[in-house]
Protein backbone atom coordinates (compact mmCIF):
# COMPACT_ATOMS: atom_id res chain seq x y z
CA MET A 1 -0.31 111.60 -56.47
CA ASP A 2 3.47 111.96 -56.73
CA ASP A 3 3.73 111.12 -53.07
CA ASN A 4 1.71 107.94 -53.61
CA LYS A 5 3.86 106.94 -56.52
CA GLN A 6 6.96 107.58 -54.55
CA ASN A 7 5.65 105.39 -51.70
CA ARG A 8 4.87 102.54 -54.07
CA GLU A 9 8.35 102.66 -55.46
CA GLU A 10 9.83 102.62 -51.94
CA ASN A 11 7.66 99.67 -50.99
CA GLN A 12 8.68 97.78 -54.07
CA GLN A 13 12.28 98.52 -53.34
CA GLN A 14 11.87 97.41 -49.74
CA SER A 15 10.15 94.18 -50.85
CA SER A 16 12.96 93.36 -53.21
CA ILE A 17 15.46 93.83 -50.38
CA TYR A 18 13.74 91.18 -48.17
CA GLU A 19 13.51 88.77 -51.08
CA THR A 20 17.27 88.74 -51.48
CA VAL A 21 17.87 87.48 -47.93
CA PRO A 22 18.72 83.71 -47.94
CA VAL A 23 15.93 81.53 -46.46
CA GLU A 24 18.14 79.85 -43.87
CA GLU A 25 19.10 83.19 -42.32
CA VAL A 26 15.54 84.46 -41.91
CA ALA A 27 13.90 84.13 -38.52
CA PRO A 28 10.82 81.86 -38.48
CA GLU A 29 8.51 84.81 -37.85
CA ILE A 30 9.72 86.58 -41.00
CA GLN A 31 8.98 83.52 -43.17
CA SER A 32 5.25 83.74 -42.38
CA PRO A 33 3.33 85.28 -45.35
CA MET A 34 2.21 88.87 -44.91
CA SER A 35 -1.30 90.11 -45.76
CA ASP A 36 -1.49 92.79 -48.37
CA ASP A 37 -3.64 94.95 -46.13
CA VAL A 38 -1.09 95.09 -43.35
CA SER A 39 0.66 98.40 -43.31
CA SER A 40 4.36 98.68 -43.04
CA SER A 41 4.02 100.58 -39.79
CA SER A 42 1.89 97.88 -38.14
CA TYR A 43 4.28 95.14 -39.32
CA SER A 44 7.24 97.05 -38.03
CA SER A 45 5.60 97.51 -34.63
CA SER A 46 4.74 93.81 -34.32
CA ASN A 47 8.18 92.73 -35.46
CA ASP A 48 9.85 95.00 -32.91
CA PHE A 49 7.81 93.32 -30.08
CA ASN A 50 8.28 89.62 -31.05
CA PHE A 51 11.70 89.53 -32.60
CA ILE A 52 14.34 87.58 -30.53
CA PRO A 53 17.92 88.28 -31.45
CA SER A 54 19.66 85.22 -32.90
CA VAL A 55 22.62 85.83 -30.54
CA TYR A 56 20.34 85.28 -27.51
CA GLN A 57 18.97 82.07 -29.00
CA GLU A 58 22.46 80.75 -29.65
CA ASN A 59 23.53 81.60 -26.08
CA LYS A 60 20.43 79.90 -24.66
CA LYS A 61 21.17 76.74 -26.64
CA LYS A 62 24.75 76.87 -25.49
CA TYR A 63 23.71 77.13 -21.84
CA LEU A 64 21.23 74.28 -22.21
CA LEU A 65 23.91 72.09 -23.77
CA ILE A 66 26.39 72.97 -21.04
CA GLY A 67 23.77 72.32 -18.29
CA GLY A 68 22.81 69.00 -19.84
CA ALA A 69 26.45 68.00 -20.11
CA VAL A 70 26.99 68.84 -16.42
CA VAL A 71 23.99 66.72 -15.38
CA VAL A 72 25.17 63.79 -17.49
CA PHE A 73 28.67 64.17 -16.06
CA PHE A 74 27.41 63.98 -12.46
CA ILE A 75 25.19 60.95 -13.24
CA LEU A 76 28.16 59.15 -14.80
CA LEU A 77 30.32 60.16 -11.86
CA LEU A 78 27.81 58.68 -9.38
CA ILE A 79 27.65 55.44 -11.39
CA ILE A 80 31.44 55.18 -11.48
CA LEU A 81 31.75 55.86 -7.76
CA LYS A 82 29.11 53.21 -7.02
CA ILE A 83 30.95 50.67 -9.16
CA ILE A 84 34.26 51.49 -7.48
CA PHE A 85 33.10 51.56 -3.87
CA SER A 86 30.20 49.06 -3.72
CA PRO A 87 32.41 45.95 -3.83
CA LYS A 88 34.41 47.27 -0.90
CA LEU A 89 31.22 47.54 1.14
CA SER A 90 30.05 44.02 0.24
CA THR A 91 33.44 42.43 0.92
CA LYS A 92 33.77 43.71 4.45
CA GLN A 93 35.50 40.92 6.33
CA ILE A 94 33.30 38.99 8.76
CA THR A 95 34.57 36.40 11.23
CA LEU A 96 32.25 33.70 12.55
CA THR A 97 33.19 31.64 15.60
CA TYR A 98 31.88 28.07 15.59
CA TRP A 99 31.84 26.06 18.83
CA GLY A 100 31.75 22.35 18.09
CA LEU A 101 31.73 19.12 20.06
CA TRP A 102 33.24 15.73 19.26
CA GLU A 103 34.49 16.63 15.78
CA GLU A 104 38.06 17.78 15.16
CA ALA A 105 38.71 20.94 13.15
CA GLN A 106 40.06 18.87 10.24
CA VAL A 107 36.56 17.50 9.65
CA PHE A 108 35.09 20.92 8.91
CA GLU A 109 38.11 22.65 7.38
CA PRO A 110 37.55 21.39 3.79
CA LEU A 111 33.95 22.59 3.85
CA ILE A 112 34.92 25.90 5.41
CA GLU A 113 37.50 26.41 2.66
CA GLN A 114 34.93 25.52 0.02
CA TYR A 115 32.50 28.04 1.51
CA ARG A 116 35.19 30.74 1.60
CA ARG A 117 35.90 30.30 -2.09
CA ILE A 118 32.31 31.31 -2.72
CA ASN A 119 32.26 33.91 0.09
CA PRO A 120 35.82 35.24 0.47
CA HIS A 121 34.72 37.90 2.94
CA ILE A 122 33.58 35.27 5.47
CA ASN A 123 36.15 33.79 7.84
CA ILE A 124 35.02 30.86 10.02
CA ILE A 125 36.96 29.75 13.08
CA TYR A 126 35.97 26.28 14.26
CA GLN A 127 36.78 25.45 17.88
CA LYS A 128 36.30 21.97 19.32
CA LYS A 129 35.13 22.36 22.92
CA GLU A 130 35.31 20.00 25.86
CA PRO A 131 31.86 18.61 26.70
CA LYS A 132 32.21 19.08 30.46
CA ASN A 133 30.45 22.30 31.54
CA TYR A 134 30.00 23.19 27.85
CA ARG A 135 26.33 24.17 28.17
CA ASP A 136 26.97 26.42 31.16
CA LYS A 137 29.88 28.17 29.43
CA LEU A 138 27.84 28.57 26.26
CA ILE A 139 25.06 30.42 28.08
CA VAL A 140 27.27 32.58 30.30
CA ARG A 141 29.72 33.63 27.60
CA SER A 142 26.96 34.29 25.07
CA LYS A 143 25.28 36.69 27.45
CA ASP A 144 28.63 38.38 28.14
CA GLY A 145 29.20 38.93 24.43
CA GLN A 146 32.09 36.44 24.36
CA GLY A 147 30.21 33.45 23.00
CA PRO A 148 30.18 31.89 19.54
CA ASP A 149 28.14 32.82 16.50
CA ILE A 150 27.44 29.14 15.76
CA PHE A 151 27.26 26.39 18.35
CA ARG A 152 26.38 22.72 18.73
CA PHE A 153 23.68 21.60 21.14
CA HIS A 154 21.88 18.38 22.04
CA ASN A 155 18.41 17.59 20.74
CA THR A 156 17.04 17.69 24.33
CA TRP A 157 18.60 21.05 25.21
CA LEU A 158 16.34 23.60 23.56
CA PRO A 159 14.29 24.27 26.73
CA GLN A 160 17.57 25.02 28.51
CA ILE A 161 19.16 27.27 25.87
CA LYS A 162 16.21 29.01 24.22
CA GLU A 163 17.26 32.30 25.82
CA ILE A 164 20.42 32.38 23.65
CA ALA A 165 19.18 30.53 20.54
CA ALA A 166 18.16 32.53 17.47
CA PRO A 167 15.19 31.39 15.36
CA LEU A 168 15.82 30.16 11.84
CA PRO A 169 14.87 32.97 9.41
CA SER A 170 12.33 32.03 6.77
CA ASN A 171 14.51 33.54 4.03
CA ILE A 172 17.20 31.00 4.94
CA MET A 173 14.80 28.04 5.12
CA SER A 174 11.03 28.13 5.33
CA ASN A 175 9.11 25.90 7.72
CA SER A 176 7.68 23.90 4.84
CA GLU A 177 11.14 23.26 3.40
CA PHE A 178 12.47 22.28 6.83
CA GLU A 179 9.65 19.77 7.22
CA LYS A 180 10.28 18.28 3.77
CA THR A 181 14.02 18.02 4.40
CA PHE A 182 14.30 16.55 7.91
CA TYR A 183 12.70 13.81 9.98
CA LYS A 184 9.67 14.16 12.25
CA ILE A 185 11.85 13.96 15.35
CA HIS A 186 13.80 17.02 14.16
CA GLN A 187 10.55 18.88 13.71
CA ARG A 188 9.32 18.00 17.21
CA ASP A 189 12.60 18.69 18.97
CA LEU A 190 13.59 21.97 17.32
CA LYS A 191 10.36 23.93 17.10
CA ILE A 192 9.05 26.46 19.60
CA GLY A 193 5.90 28.28 18.54
CA ASN A 194 6.16 28.94 14.82
CA TYR A 195 9.96 28.88 14.59
CA TYR A 196 12.70 26.30 14.29
CA TYR A 197 15.85 26.87 16.31
CA GLY A 198 18.52 24.78 14.65
CA LEU A 199 19.69 22.86 11.60
CA PRO A 200 20.65 19.22 12.24
CA LEU A 201 23.56 17.60 10.45
CA THR A 202 22.69 14.14 11.75
CA ILE A 203 20.18 11.79 13.32
CA ASP A 204 20.92 9.02 15.81
CA GLY A 205 19.44 7.10 18.68
CA LEU A 206 19.36 3.78 20.50
CA VAL A 207 20.09 0.62 18.52
CA LEU A 208 20.74 -2.97 19.52
CA ILE A 209 24.46 -3.77 19.18
CA TYR A 210 25.20 -7.49 19.15
CA ASN A 211 28.23 -9.76 18.86
CA GLU A 212 27.61 -11.94 15.82
CA SER A 213 30.31 -14.46 16.79
CA LEU A 214 28.64 -15.10 20.16
CA PHE A 215 25.29 -15.38 18.39
CA ARG A 216 26.57 -18.03 15.99
CA LYS A 217 28.23 -19.92 18.83
CA ALA A 218 24.83 -20.09 20.56
CA GLY A 219 23.12 -21.15 17.35
CA ILE A 220 21.36 -17.81 16.88
CA PHE A 221 21.44 -16.23 13.42
CA ASP A 222 19.01 -13.33 13.65
CA PRO A 223 18.74 -10.51 16.18
CA PRO A 224 15.53 -10.28 18.25
CA THR A 225 12.81 -7.95 17.03
CA ASN A 226 10.76 -7.82 20.26
CA TRP A 227 11.26 -8.28 23.99
CA ASP A 228 9.81 -11.78 24.04
CA GLU A 229 12.33 -12.94 21.45
CA LEU A 230 15.10 -11.18 23.30
CA THR A 231 14.23 -12.89 26.59
CA ASP A 232 14.29 -16.28 24.84
CA ILE A 233 17.72 -15.86 23.27
CA VAL A 234 19.33 -14.18 26.30
CA SER A 235 19.22 -17.44 28.21
CA LYS A 236 21.05 -19.17 25.33
CA LEU A 237 23.71 -16.47 25.22
CA THR A 238 24.34 -16.34 28.98
CA VAL A 239 27.21 -18.49 30.25
CA LYS A 240 27.91 -19.04 33.96
CA ASP A 241 30.55 -20.96 35.84
CA LYS A 242 29.80 -23.81 38.22
CA ASN A 243 29.25 -21.32 41.02
CA GLY A 244 26.65 -19.40 39.05
CA GLN A 245 28.93 -16.46 38.36
CA LEU A 246 28.59 -14.80 34.97
CA ILE A 247 31.24 -15.54 32.40
CA THR A 248 29.33 -14.19 29.43
CA ALA A 249 26.19 -12.14 29.92
CA GLY A 250 23.34 -12.27 27.44
CA ILE A 251 22.57 -8.53 27.64
CA ALA A 252 23.55 -5.55 29.76
CA ILE A 253 20.26 -4.42 31.35
CA GLY A 254 19.05 -4.20 34.93
CA THR A 255 21.50 -2.10 36.93
CA ALA A 256 22.65 1.54 36.89
CA ASN A 257 26.23 1.78 38.09
CA ASN A 258 27.84 -0.42 35.41
CA ILE A 259 25.65 0.17 32.35
CA ASP A 260 26.36 2.95 29.88
CA HIS A 261 23.11 4.61 28.78
CA PHE A 262 21.06 2.91 31.55
CA SER A 263 18.73 5.91 31.75
CA ASP A 264 18.20 5.90 27.97
CA ILE A 265 17.26 2.21 28.14
CA PHE A 266 14.84 2.79 31.01
CA GLY A 267 13.33 5.67 29.02
CA LEU A 268 12.94 3.34 26.03
CA MET A 269 11.05 0.78 28.09
CA LEU A 270 9.00 3.56 29.68
CA VAL A 271 7.67 4.98 26.39
CA GLN A 272 7.22 1.56 24.84
CA ASN A 273 5.06 0.62 27.82
CA GLY A 274 2.93 3.74 27.37
CA GLY A 275 4.54 5.63 30.25
CA ASP A 276 5.48 9.27 30.63
CA ILE A 277 8.40 10.93 32.42
CA THR A 278 5.88 13.29 34.05
CA LYS A 279 3.87 10.36 35.45
CA LEU A 280 6.38 8.13 37.18
CA ASP A 281 3.82 7.13 39.81
CA GLN A 282 1.57 5.46 37.21
CA PRO A 283 1.39 1.69 36.51
CA GLU A 284 3.04 2.08 33.08
CA ALA A 285 6.17 3.54 34.70
CA VAL A 286 6.20 0.92 37.46
CA GLY A 287 5.89 -1.84 34.85
CA ALA A 288 8.79 -0.39 32.88
CA LEU A 289 11.06 -0.32 35.93
CA GLU A 290 10.10 -3.89 36.81
CA SER A 291 10.88 -5.06 33.26
CA TYR A 292 14.22 -3.25 33.34
CA ARG A 293 15.25 -4.72 36.67
CA LYS A 294 14.27 -8.36 35.98
CA PHE A 295 17.32 -8.95 33.74
CA ALA A 296 19.59 -8.51 36.76
CA GLU A 297 17.41 -10.03 39.46
CA PRO A 298 18.15 -13.48 40.93
CA ALA A 299 15.42 -15.23 38.95
CA TYR A 300 17.23 -14.42 35.71
CA SER A 301 20.68 -13.00 36.48
CA PHE A 302 21.51 -12.25 32.85
CA TRP A 303 23.55 -9.31 34.17
CA ASP A 304 24.83 -8.23 37.57
CA GLU A 305 26.82 -5.56 39.34
CA ASN A 306 29.99 -7.64 39.26
CA MET A 307 30.29 -7.28 35.50
CA PRO A 308 32.56 -4.58 34.00
CA LEU A 309 31.07 -1.40 32.60
CA SER A 310 28.81 -2.55 29.77
CA THR A 311 30.81 -1.07 26.88
CA ILE A 312 34.06 -2.48 28.23
CA ALA A 313 32.37 -5.85 28.75
CA PHE A 314 31.23 -5.79 25.10
CA VAL A 315 34.74 -4.93 23.91
CA GLN A 316 36.04 -7.86 25.95
CA GLU A 317 33.27 -10.06 24.48
CA LYS A 318 31.83 -10.71 27.93
CA VAL A 319 28.34 -9.59 26.95
CA ALA A 320 26.49 -10.51 23.75
CA MET A 321 24.17 -7.48 23.45
CA ILE A 322 24.07 -3.88 24.57
CA ILE A 323 21.64 -1.08 23.76
CA ALA A 324 23.34 2.21 22.87
CA PRO A 325 23.43 4.94 20.21
CA SER A 326 25.19 3.98 16.98
CA TRP A 327 28.23 6.15 17.69
CA GLN A 328 29.15 3.75 20.50
CA VAL A 329 30.18 1.28 17.77
CA ILE A 330 33.07 3.59 16.87
CA ASP A 331 34.48 3.40 20.40
CA ILE A 332 34.07 -0.38 20.46
CA LYS A 333 35.81 -0.85 17.11
CA ALA A 334 38.61 1.47 18.17
CA ALA A 335 39.20 -0.66 21.28
CA ASN A 336 38.75 -4.02 19.50
CA PRO A 337 39.06 -3.71 15.70
CA ASP A 338 38.54 -7.45 15.17
CA ILE A 339 35.26 -7.76 17.04
CA ASP A 340 32.46 -9.14 14.86
CA LEU A 341 29.50 -6.91 15.61
CA LYS A 342 26.36 -5.70 13.95
CA THR A 343 23.44 -3.46 14.85
CA ALA A 344 19.68 -3.88 14.65
CA PRO A 345 16.63 -1.82 15.62
CA VAL A 346 15.85 -2.03 19.33
CA PRO A 347 13.31 -4.68 20.38
CA ASN A 348 9.72 -3.54 20.80
CA ILE A 349 6.67 -4.83 22.63
CA PRO A 350 4.98 -7.47 20.44
CA GLY A 351 2.09 -6.00 18.47
CA SER A 352 2.97 -2.40 19.34
CA PRO A 353 4.27 0.32 17.01
CA PRO A 354 8.09 0.54 16.89
CA LEU A 355 9.66 3.17 19.13
CA SER A 356 13.22 4.17 19.97
CA ILE A 357 14.95 7.03 21.80
CA ALA A 358 16.61 9.81 19.80
CA ASN A 359 20.09 11.05 20.68
CA TYR A 360 21.70 13.51 18.25
CA TRP A 361 23.30 16.96 18.04
CA VAL A 362 22.19 20.12 16.26
CA GLU A 363 23.86 23.31 14.99
CA GLY A 364 22.37 26.60 16.16
CA VAL A 365 23.01 30.35 15.96
CA SER A 366 23.34 32.66 18.94
CA ARG A 367 20.83 35.47 19.27
CA TYR A 368 23.78 37.48 20.67
CA SER A 369 25.71 37.15 17.40
CA ARG A 370 26.16 40.32 15.34
CA HIS A 371 26.23 38.21 12.18
CA GLN A 372 23.21 35.95 12.52
CA ILE A 373 22.27 35.92 8.84
CA GLU A 374 25.82 35.08 7.78
CA ALA A 375 25.93 32.28 10.38
CA TRP A 376 22.64 30.80 9.19
CA LYS A 377 23.82 30.98 5.57
CA PHE A 378 26.86 28.87 6.44
CA LEU A 379 24.72 26.29 8.24
CA ARG A 380 22.36 26.22 5.27
CA PHE A 381 25.41 25.50 3.12
CA LEU A 382 26.41 22.60 5.39
CA ILE A 383 23.04 20.84 5.20
CA GLU A 384 22.92 20.80 1.39
CA LYS A 385 23.00 17.25 -0.01
CA ASN A 386 26.42 17.45 -1.61
CA ASN A 387 27.98 18.98 1.47
CA LEU A 388 26.47 16.48 3.91
CA THR A 389 27.77 13.60 1.81
CA LYS A 390 31.18 15.27 1.67
CA LEU A 391 31.13 15.71 5.45
CA TYR A 392 30.30 12.02 5.85
CA GLU A 393 33.18 11.06 3.52
CA ILE A 394 35.64 13.15 5.54
CA GLN A 395 34.45 11.62 8.80
CA SER A 396 34.67 8.11 7.35
CA LYS A 397 38.36 8.64 6.53
CA LEU A 398 39.06 9.28 10.21
CA ARG A 399 36.89 6.54 11.73
CA PRO A 400 34.80 3.52 10.65
CA PHE A 401 31.83 5.66 9.54
CA GLY A 402 30.42 9.16 9.64
CA GLU A 403 27.32 10.57 11.27
CA PRO A 404 24.00 9.31 9.86
CA TYR A 405 22.47 11.85 7.48
CA SER A 406 19.83 14.21 8.81
CA ARG A 407 18.19 14.59 5.40
CA VAL A 408 15.36 12.22 4.53
CA ASP A 409 16.38 12.17 0.86
CA LEU A 410 19.82 10.77 1.77
CA ALA A 411 18.42 7.78 3.67
CA PRO A 412 18.87 5.36 0.72
CA LEU A 413 22.63 5.87 0.89
CA LEU A 414 22.71 4.20 4.33
CA SER A 415 19.89 1.70 4.00
CA GLN A 416 22.35 -1.21 3.63
CA HIS A 417 25.06 0.07 5.95
CA PRO A 418 26.21 -2.63 8.43
CA TYR A 419 25.99 -0.26 11.42
CA LEU A 420 23.77 2.66 10.37
CA ALA A 421 20.95 0.91 8.52
CA SER A 422 19.22 0.30 11.86
CA VAL A 423 19.32 4.05 12.60
CA ILE A 424 17.65 4.82 9.28
CA LYS A 425 15.03 2.08 9.79
CA GLN A 426 14.05 3.67 13.11
CA ALA A 427 14.33 7.30 11.98
CA ASP A 428 10.57 7.76 11.66
CA HIS A 429 9.98 6.18 15.06
CA TYR A 430 12.29 8.14 17.34
CA VAL A 431 10.98 10.02 20.36
CA SER A 432 12.90 12.32 22.67
CA LEU A 433 13.18 12.20 26.45
CA PRO A 434 15.43 14.22 28.79
CA LEU A 435 17.06 11.02 30.06
CA ILE A 436 20.06 10.96 27.74
CA SER A 437 23.43 9.93 29.09
CA ARG A 438 26.68 11.73 28.29
CA THR A 439 25.25 15.06 27.20
CA PHE A 440 27.16 16.60 30.13
CA ASP A 441 24.52 19.30 30.34
CA ASN A 442 24.72 19.65 34.12
CA GLY A 443 21.03 20.40 33.86
CA LEU A 444 17.86 18.81 32.56
CA ASN A 445 19.25 15.40 31.54
CA ASP A 446 21.85 14.99 34.26
CA GLU A 447 19.46 16.05 37.03
CA ILE A 448 16.68 13.68 35.95
CA ILE A 449 19.12 10.83 35.37
CA LYS A 450 20.27 11.10 38.97
CA TYR A 451 16.72 10.51 40.25
CA ILE A 452 16.29 7.49 37.95
CA GLU A 453 19.64 6.11 39.08
CA ASN A 454 18.57 6.46 42.71
CA ALA A 455 15.30 4.65 41.96
CA ILE A 456 17.08 1.71 40.31
CA ASN A 457 19.61 1.44 43.13
CA ALA A 458 16.81 1.64 45.71
CA THR A 459 15.11 -1.39 44.20
CA ILE A 460 18.42 -3.28 44.30
CA ALA A 461 18.48 -2.49 48.02
CA GLY A 462 14.96 -3.90 48.43
CA VAL A 463 12.69 -0.86 48.00
CA SER A 464 9.53 -1.59 46.00
CA TYR A 465 9.18 -0.33 42.46
CA ASN A 466 6.22 1.87 43.44
CA GLU A 467 8.02 3.49 46.33
CA ALA A 468 11.21 4.02 44.39
CA LEU A 469 9.40 5.76 41.55
CA ASN A 470 7.21 7.85 43.86
CA THR A 471 10.37 9.25 45.39
CA ALA A 472 11.92 9.79 41.97
CA LYS A 473 8.80 11.59 40.76
CA GLN A 474 9.13 14.29 43.40
CA GLY A 475 12.63 15.17 42.22
CA VAL A 476 11.86 14.83 38.52
CA ASP A 477 8.84 17.15 38.86
CA GLN A 478 11.05 19.81 40.40
CA VAL A 479 13.49 19.57 37.50
CA LEU A 480 10.72 19.74 34.90
CA ASN A 481 9.20 22.77 36.65
CA LYS A 482 12.63 24.41 36.68
CA TYR A 483 12.73 24.26 32.88
CA ASN A 484 8.99 24.94 32.37
CA LEU A 485 8.32 21.46 31.00
CA GLN A 486 5.40 20.42 33.22
């Protein structure tokens, strides 16, 4: 009994000791209520097993805080390093070489500078090249790794340069956007398979260039719209001396040696007559050659081999009409600023759909370039509306007018132009043939032109139209097979 009393007193004393401990200093396990039937020995045993020293908990929290701080530090460090070094990677200097034709560097320099303000890491070096042997050098140097990133090529050249031309990436311009932006002739000329291989800055082709002063003197106030009208007015425009020698020719058609663009004109008459360059032995081709030659044959003699070269004769006002691309007007005006000339669409066969021959240049990217995407981005920049109009303005400060716009949506800007309106009127009716003069390609065009020249000269010497074209066909077929165009 005394022992039990003594134990109760000890327990009460022990209980009062625990009650004096502040709540915030008691471990969570101690705060749990104890059952009356739990003995002090069992409680003590359980407490010894589960109790975690507060020092350990504090150290664990400290380590967790330190570990978390280290992780956060490294994440922040990575972010800072990325911010510091990423711009240096994106601004790595890239130099693009641009081979151009016809245009001086001062034409492109303002646009290059404008592009560099947006893309300071891109440096563009424009180099105007000589047209002679240009295509050959372009191919050879590109394959040797010494060619340009960007280059200019003729609309008839793609079969000859496809081995070095890079396709237009869809992320630069999709096919559907290309087809909404440019004319049908661009789409036909620049597509192989499912890809386009260039971005055109311009469109051009054959137009009728006529001397308005000579027209008025002959009582003619409107240009001819078809070949019948042209034949009627040519006789009124032609002036001969008493010996029958030409003083003023009505039009420069019929020969080869003294007519600029004679092959283009023959090609025009060929397609208008339903002919095909691959079928020179057919009646349509024979009829086209006969129609071409009649203007210089004795029955008409509206032109002959004694006349100066056609462009020079026009400058000297010795011929009333020539057929040439619109850019020929610039040369004429440079040689004779006071000449009163205008342009019109080429004459067509009465009752037939209008047709003319395209003759323009395109900008492409080399598949050997190490910076193809950057090159395409610059060309995409050039063909934007504001930049094309700026390019035209720069060109017009250096010569009578700039290159006709390649974009369909810019056509209204030139619809009333005294020289370029005829280009725009024909833009939907251009076709392409590898018979284009002055491309200096030393290939497809030049080789075929030589066979057409020989055919025309053969008929002057008395060979029949059929025989002359049969001979020409043999050579032309070889050229077309050479470039896989048969």
